[in-house]
Amino acid sequence: QVQLVESGGGLVQAGGSLRLSCAASVSTFSFNNIGWYRQAPGKQRELVAVISNGGSTNYADSVKGRFTISRDNAKNTVYLQMNSLNSDDTAVYYCNADRTMGWGAVQNYWGQGTQVTVSS
């Protein structure tokens, strides 16, 4: 089975930086896309950033210019570099990956999440 494990979360001061990691149990080439989602208390889960197998990236408007998603295929790991953090970035961050099954259906996989807390 595919496993995704997030790490790197923690408590950081506003204006600071943090780097999250998502380690996959299989090659990242297996996936169509790998992305980061976040969910703050009382708010809807939202897509933060995504990177495709071909390397193209997309970001939520709220994090453009501050966050960067990247991939190290040799380590089967995707990163989310977060700079200029503010209190609105406080949330549980989840790693997500999708791949196409043999019969054509798309299967999604989720990590357990890592907490990011930004203090003012």
N, C-alpha and C. Protein backbone atom coordinates (compact mmCIF):
# COMPACT_ATOMS: atom_id res chain seq x y z
N GLN A 1 0.83 -1.18 0.00
CA GLN A 1 0.00 0.00 0.00
C GLN A 1 0.88 1.25 0.00
N VAL A 2 0.36 2.33 -0.57
CA VAL A 2 1.07 3.58 -0.61
C VAL A 2 0.95 4.28 0.73
N GLN A 3 2.08 4.79 1.23
CA GLN A 3 2.09 5.55 2.47
C GLN A 3 2.75 6.90 2.23
N LEU A 4 2.15 7.94 2.80
CA LEU A 4 2.69 9.29 2.76
C LEU A 4 2.87 9.76 4.19
N VAL A 5 4.05 10.24 4.51
CA VAL A 5 4.36 10.67 5.87
C VAL A 5 4.86 12.10 5.85
N GLU A 6 4.12 12.99 6.52
CA GLU A 6 4.51 14.40 6.61
C GLU A 6 5.38 14.62 7.84
N SER A 7 6.26 15.61 7.74
CA SER A 7 7.10 16.01 8.86
C SER A 7 7.50 17.46 8.68
N GLY A 8 8.04 18.06 9.73
CA GLY A 8 8.55 19.41 9.65
C GLY A 8 7.67 20.47 10.27
N GLY A 9 6.48 20.10 10.71
CA GLY A 9 5.60 21.06 11.34
C GLY A 9 6.09 21.45 12.72
N GLY A 10 5.48 22.50 13.26
CA GLY A 10 5.86 22.96 14.58
C GLY A 10 5.38 24.36 14.84
N LEU A 11 5.93 24.96 15.87
CA LEU A 11 5.58 26.33 16.27
C LEU A 11 6.63 27.29 15.73
N VAL A 12 6.18 28.35 15.08
CA VAL A 12 7.09 29.33 14.50
C VAL A 12 6.52 30.72 14.70
N GLN A 13 7.40 31.69 14.86
CA GLN A 13 6.99 33.08 15.03
C GLN A 13 6.56 33.69 13.70
N ALA A 14 5.61 34.61 13.75
CA ALA A 14 5.18 35.31 12.55
C ALA A 14 6.37 35.95 11.85
N GLY A 15 6.40 35.80 10.53
CA GLY A 15 7.52 36.29 9.75
C GLY A 15 8.61 35.26 9.54
N GLY A 16 8.52 34.16 10.24
CA GLY A 16 9.52 33.12 10.14
C GLY A 16 9.26 32.15 9.01
N SER A 17 10.08 31.11 8.94
CA SER A 17 10.01 30.13 7.86
C SER A 17 9.98 28.72 8.41
N LEU A 18 9.45 27.81 7.59
CA LEU A 18 9.35 26.42 7.95
C LEU A 18 9.35 25.60 6.66
N ARG A 19 9.94 24.41 6.70
CA ARG A 19 9.91 23.53 5.54
C ARG A 19 9.26 22.21 5.92
N LEU A 20 8.20 21.87 5.20
CA LEU A 20 7.51 20.61 5.40
C LEU A 20 8.01 19.57 4.40
N SER A 21 8.01 18.31 4.81
CA SER A 21 8.41 17.21 3.95
C SER A 21 7.31 16.18 3.86
N CYS A 22 7.15 15.59 2.70
CA CYS A 22 6.22 14.50 2.47
C CYS A 22 7.00 13.36 1.85
N ALA A 23 7.22 12.31 2.62
CA ALA A 23 7.97 11.15 2.15
C ALA A 23 7.01 10.06 1.70
N ALA A 24 7.20 9.57 0.49
CA ALA A 24 6.35 8.53 -0.08
C ALA A 24 7.05 7.18 -0.01
N SER A 25 6.24 6.13 0.14
CA SER A 25 6.79 4.77 0.22
C SER A 25 7.10 4.19 -1.15
N VAL A 26 6.68 4.85 -2.20
CA VAL A 26 6.97 4.44 -3.57
C VAL A 26 7.55 5.62 -4.32
N SER A 27 8.06 5.36 -5.50
CA SER A 27 8.64 6.42 -6.31
C SER A 27 7.63 7.51 -6.59
N THR A 28 8.08 8.75 -6.50
CA THR A 28 7.20 9.88 -6.81
C THR A 28 6.83 9.92 -8.29
N PHE A 29 7.56 9.20 -9.11
CA PHE A 29 7.19 9.07 -10.51
C PHE A 29 5.89 8.29 -10.70
N SER A 30 5.46 7.58 -9.66
CA SER A 30 4.23 6.81 -9.73
C SER A 30 2.99 7.69 -9.75
N PHE A 31 3.13 8.94 -9.34
CA PHE A 31 1.97 9.82 -9.14
C PHE A 31 1.81 10.82 -10.27
N ASN A 32 0.55 11.14 -10.54
CA ASN A 32 0.25 12.20 -11.50
C ASN A 32 0.57 13.56 -10.89
N ASN A 33 0.16 13.75 -9.64
CA ASN A 33 0.38 15.00 -8.92
C ASN A 33 0.64 14.71 -7.46
N ILE A 34 1.38 15.59 -6.81
CA ILE A 34 1.52 15.57 -5.37
C ILE A 34 1.26 16.99 -4.88
N GLY A 35 0.41 17.11 -3.87
CA GLY A 35 0.05 18.43 -3.40
C GLY A 35 -0.01 18.53 -1.89
N TRP A 36 -0.05 19.78 -1.44
CA TRP A 36 -0.23 20.09 -0.02
C TRP A 36 -1.57 20.75 0.18
N TYR A 37 -2.33 20.26 1.14
CA TYR A 37 -3.58 20.85 1.58
C TYR A 37 -3.43 21.29 3.03
N ARG A 38 -4.31 22.17 3.46
CA ARG A 38 -4.31 22.55 4.87
C ARG A 38 -5.74 22.77 5.34
N GLN A 39 -5.95 22.57 6.63
CA GLN A 39 -7.24 22.79 7.24
C GLN A 39 -7.06 23.45 8.59
N ALA A 40 -7.58 24.66 8.72
CA ALA A 40 -7.54 25.38 9.98
C ALA A 40 -8.81 25.07 10.77
N PRO A 41 -8.77 25.23 12.09
CA PRO A 41 -9.96 24.96 12.91
C PRO A 41 -11.16 25.77 12.45
N GLY A 42 -12.28 25.09 12.22
CA GLY A 42 -13.50 25.75 11.80
C GLY A 42 -13.54 26.20 10.36
N LYS A 43 -12.54 25.85 9.58
CA LYS A 43 -12.48 26.26 8.19
C LYS A 43 -12.42 25.05 7.27
N GLN A 44 -12.75 25.28 6.01
CA GLN A 44 -12.76 24.22 5.01
C GLN A 44 -11.34 23.89 4.58
N ARG A 45 -11.11 22.63 4.27
CA ARG A 45 -9.82 22.22 3.74
C ARG A 45 -9.57 22.89 2.39
N GLU A 46 -8.35 23.36 2.18
CA GLU A 46 -8.02 24.05 0.95
C GLU A 46 -6.71 23.55 0.37
N LEU A 47 -6.62 23.63 -0.94
CA LEU A 47 -5.39 23.29 -1.64
C LEU A 47 -4.40 24.44 -1.50
N VAL A 48 -3.19 24.12 -1.10
CA VAL A 48 -2.15 25.11 -0.91
C VAL A 48 -1.22 25.17 -2.12
N ALA A 49 -0.72 24.03 -2.54
CA ALA A 49 0.22 23.96 -3.65
C ALA A 49 0.21 22.56 -4.22
N VAL A 50 0.53 22.44 -5.50
CA VAL A 50 0.57 21.13 -6.16
C VAL A 50 1.69 21.13 -7.19
N ILE A 51 2.31 19.97 -7.36
CA ILE A 51 3.33 19.80 -8.38
C ILE A 51 2.99 18.55 -9.17
N SER A 52 3.09 18.64 -10.48
CA SER A 52 2.77 17.52 -11.36
C SER A 52 4.00 16.65 -11.59
N ASN A 53 3.77 15.48 -12.19
CA ASN A 53 4.88 14.60 -12.53
C ASN A 53 5.88 15.30 -13.44
N GLY A 54 5.37 16.17 -14.32
CA GLY A 54 6.23 16.90 -15.23
C GLY A 54 6.91 18.11 -14.62
N GLY A 55 6.56 18.46 -13.38
CA GLY A 55 7.22 19.55 -12.69
C GLY A 55 6.48 20.87 -12.66
N SER A 56 5.32 20.96 -13.30
CA SER A 56 4.56 22.20 -13.25
C SER A 56 3.94 22.38 -11.87
N THR A 57 3.79 23.62 -11.44
CA THR A 57 3.30 23.92 -10.10
C THR A 57 2.14 24.91 -10.14
N ASN A 58 1.30 24.84 -9.11
CA ASN A 58 0.21 25.78 -8.91
C ASN A 58 0.10 26.08 -7.43
N TYR A 59 -0.31 27.32 -7.12
CA TYR A 59 -0.40 27.77 -5.74
C TYR A 59 -1.72 28.48 -5.49
N ALA A 60 -2.19 28.37 -4.25
CA ALA A 60 -3.31 29.19 -3.83
C ALA A 60 -2.89 30.65 -3.81
N ASP A 61 -3.82 31.55 -4.12
CA ASP A 61 -3.50 32.97 -4.15
C ASP A 61 -2.93 33.46 -2.82
N SER A 62 -3.40 32.89 -1.73
CA SER A 62 -2.99 33.35 -0.41
C SER A 62 -1.54 33.04 -0.08
N VAL A 63 -0.91 32.14 -0.83
CA VAL A 63 0.47 31.75 -0.52
C VAL A 63 1.44 32.06 -1.64
N LYS A 64 0.96 32.58 -2.76
CA LYS A 64 1.84 32.90 -3.88
C LYS A 64 2.90 33.91 -3.45
N GLY A 65 4.12 33.63 -3.83
CA GLY A 65 5.23 34.50 -3.47
C GLY A 65 5.83 34.19 -2.12
N ARG A 66 5.17 33.38 -1.32
CA ARG A 66 5.67 33.03 0.01
C ARG A 66 6.02 31.55 0.13
N PHE A 67 5.25 30.68 -0.52
CA PHE A 67 5.46 29.24 -0.43
C PHE A 67 6.03 28.71 -1.73
N THR A 68 6.85 27.67 -1.63
CA THR A 68 7.41 27.01 -2.80
C THR A 68 7.33 25.50 -2.63
N ILE A 69 6.73 24.82 -3.60
CA ILE A 69 6.68 23.37 -3.58
C ILE A 69 7.78 22.83 -4.49
N SER A 70 8.44 21.78 -4.06
CA SER A 70 9.51 21.18 -4.84
C SER A 70 9.53 19.67 -4.62
N ARG A 71 10.30 18.98 -5.44
CA ARG A 71 10.32 17.52 -5.39
C ARG A 71 11.74 17.00 -5.56
N ASP A 72 12.08 15.98 -4.78
CA ASP A 72 13.35 15.28 -4.91
C ASP A 72 13.00 13.82 -5.20
N ASN A 73 13.00 13.46 -6.47
CA ASN A 73 12.59 12.12 -6.85
C ASN A 73 13.54 11.04 -6.32
N ALA A 74 14.82 11.36 -6.17
CA ALA A 74 15.77 10.40 -5.64
C ALA A 74 15.45 10.00 -4.21
N LYS A 75 14.82 10.91 -3.47
CA LYS A 75 14.45 10.64 -2.08
C LYS A 75 12.97 10.34 -1.91
N ASN A 76 12.23 10.28 -3.01
CA ASN A 76 10.78 10.05 -2.97
C ASN A 76 10.09 11.03 -2.04
N THR A 77 10.49 12.29 -2.12
CA THR A 77 10.03 13.29 -1.17
C THR A 77 9.62 14.58 -1.88
N VAL A 78 8.54 15.17 -1.39
CA VAL A 78 8.09 16.48 -1.84
C VAL A 78 8.16 17.44 -0.66
N TYR A 79 8.58 18.67 -0.93
CA TYR A 79 8.77 19.66 0.11
C TYR A 79 7.84 20.85 -0.09
N LEU A 80 7.55 21.53 1.00
CA LEU A 80 6.85 22.80 0.95
C LEU A 80 7.63 23.79 1.79
N GLN A 81 8.32 24.71 1.13
CA GLN A 81 9.04 25.76 1.82
C GLN A 81 8.09 26.91 2.08
N MET A 82 7.93 27.28 3.33
CA MET A 82 7.00 28.32 3.73
C MET A 82 7.76 29.48 4.35
N ASN A 83 7.66 30.65 3.73
CA ASN A 83 8.32 31.85 4.21
C ASN A 83 7.29 32.91 4.56
N SER A 84 7.73 33.90 5.31
CA SER A 84 6.88 35.02 5.71
C SER A 84 5.56 34.54 6.30
N LEU A 85 5.65 33.61 7.21
CA LEU A 85 4.45 33.01 7.79
C LEU A 85 3.68 34.01 8.64
N ASN A 86 2.36 33.87 8.61
CA ASN A 86 1.50 34.68 9.45
C ASN A 86 0.47 33.79 10.12
N SER A 87 -0.32 34.37 11.00
CA SER A 87 -1.27 33.59 11.79
C SER A 87 -2.30 32.87 10.93
N ASP A 88 -2.61 33.40 9.76
CA ASP A 88 -3.57 32.75 8.88
C ASP A 88 -3.04 31.44 8.30
N ASP A 89 -1.74 31.20 8.43
CA ASP A 89 -1.15 29.96 7.94
C ASP A 89 -1.26 28.83 8.95
N THR A 90 -1.73 29.13 10.14
CA THR A 90 -1.89 28.10 11.17
C THR A 90 -2.93 27.08 10.73
N ALA A 91 -2.55 25.82 10.66
CA ALA A 91 -3.43 24.76 10.19
C ALA A 91 -2.72 23.43 10.29
N VAL A 92 -3.47 22.36 10.08
CA VAL A 92 -2.88 21.05 9.86
C VAL A 92 -2.63 20.91 8.37
N TYR A 93 -1.42 20.58 8.00
CA TYR A 93 -1.04 20.46 6.60
C TYR A 93 -0.98 18.99 6.21
N TYR A 94 -1.63 18.65 5.10
CA TYR A 94 -1.72 17.28 4.63
C TYR A 94 -1.08 17.13 3.26
N CYS A 95 -0.39 16.03 3.07
CA CYS A 95 0.16 15.67 1.78
C CYS A 95 -0.83 14.79 1.04
N ASN A 96 -0.99 15.02 -0.25
CA ASN A 96 -1.90 14.24 -1.09
C ASN A 96 -1.22 13.87 -2.39
N ALA A 97 -1.47 12.65 -2.85
CA ALA A 97 -0.94 12.21 -4.13
C ALA A 97 -2.00 11.41 -4.85
N ASP A 98 -1.98 11.47 -6.17
CA ASP A 98 -2.93 10.71 -6.96
C ASP A 98 -2.21 9.96 -8.07
N ARG A 99 -2.76 8.82 -8.43
CA ARG A 99 -2.23 8.05 -9.53
C ARG A 99 -3.35 7.33 -10.24
N THR A 100 -3.12 7.01 -11.50
CA THR A 100 -4.11 6.33 -12.31
C THR A 100 -3.93 4.82 -12.17
N MET A 101 -5.02 4.14 -11.84
CA MET A 101 -5.00 2.70 -11.68
C MET A 101 -5.05 2.02 -13.05
N GLY A 102 -4.82 0.72 -13.05
CA GLY A 102 -4.77 -0.03 -14.29
C GLY A 102 -6.05 0.02 -15.09
N TRP A 103 -7.17 0.16 -14.43
CA TRP A 103 -8.46 0.20 -15.11
C TRP A 103 -8.91 1.62 -15.44
N GLY A 104 -8.05 2.60 -15.16
CA GLY A 104 -8.32 3.97 -15.55
C GLY A 104 -8.81 4.90 -14.47
N ALA A 105 -9.24 4.39 -13.33
CA ALA A 105 -9.70 5.23 -12.24
C ALA A 105 -8.52 5.90 -11.53
N VAL A 106 -8.77 7.08 -10.96
CA VAL A 106 -7.75 7.82 -10.23
C VAL A 106 -7.90 7.54 -8.74
N GLN A 107 -6.80 7.15 -8.10
CA GLN A 107 -6.79 6.86 -6.67
C GLN A 107 -6.02 7.94 -5.93
N ASN A 108 -6.61 8.45 -4.85
CA ASN A 108 -5.97 9.47 -4.02
C ASN A 108 -5.43 8.87 -2.74
N TYR A 109 -4.30 9.39 -2.29
CA TYR A 109 -3.67 8.94 -1.05
C TYR A 109 -3.39 10.16 -0.18
N TRP A 110 -3.55 9.99 1.12
CA TRP A 110 -3.37 11.08 2.08
C TRP A 110 -2.42 10.69 3.19
N GLY A 111 -1.62 11.65 3.63
CA GLY A 111 -0.83 11.47 4.83
C GLY A 111 -1.64 11.80 6.06
N GLN A 112 -1.04 11.64 7.23
CA GLN A 112 -1.74 11.86 8.49
C GLN A 112 -1.77 13.33 8.90
N GLY A 113 -0.95 14.16 8.31
CA GLY A 113 -0.95 15.57 8.59
C GLY A 113 0.13 15.98 9.58
N THR A 114 0.54 17.23 9.50
CA THR A 114 1.48 17.80 10.44
C THR A 114 1.01 19.20 10.83
N GLN A 115 1.06 19.52 12.12
CA GLN A 115 0.54 20.77 12.63
C GLN A 115 1.54 21.90 12.45
N VAL A 116 1.06 23.01 11.91
CA VAL A 116 1.85 24.24 11.81
C VAL A 116 1.13 25.32 12.60
N THR A 117 1.81 25.89 13.57
CA THR A 117 1.24 26.95 14.39
C THR A 117 2.13 28.18 14.31
N VAL A 118 1.55 29.30 13.92
CA VAL A 118 2.28 30.55 13.77
C VAL A 118 1.82 31.51 14.86
N SER A 119 2.74 31.95 15.68
CA SER A 119 2.43 32.87 16.77
C SER A 119 2.70 34.31 16.34
N SER A 120 1.87 35.23 16.83
CA SER A 120 2.03 36.65 16.49
C SER A 120 3.05 37.32 17.39
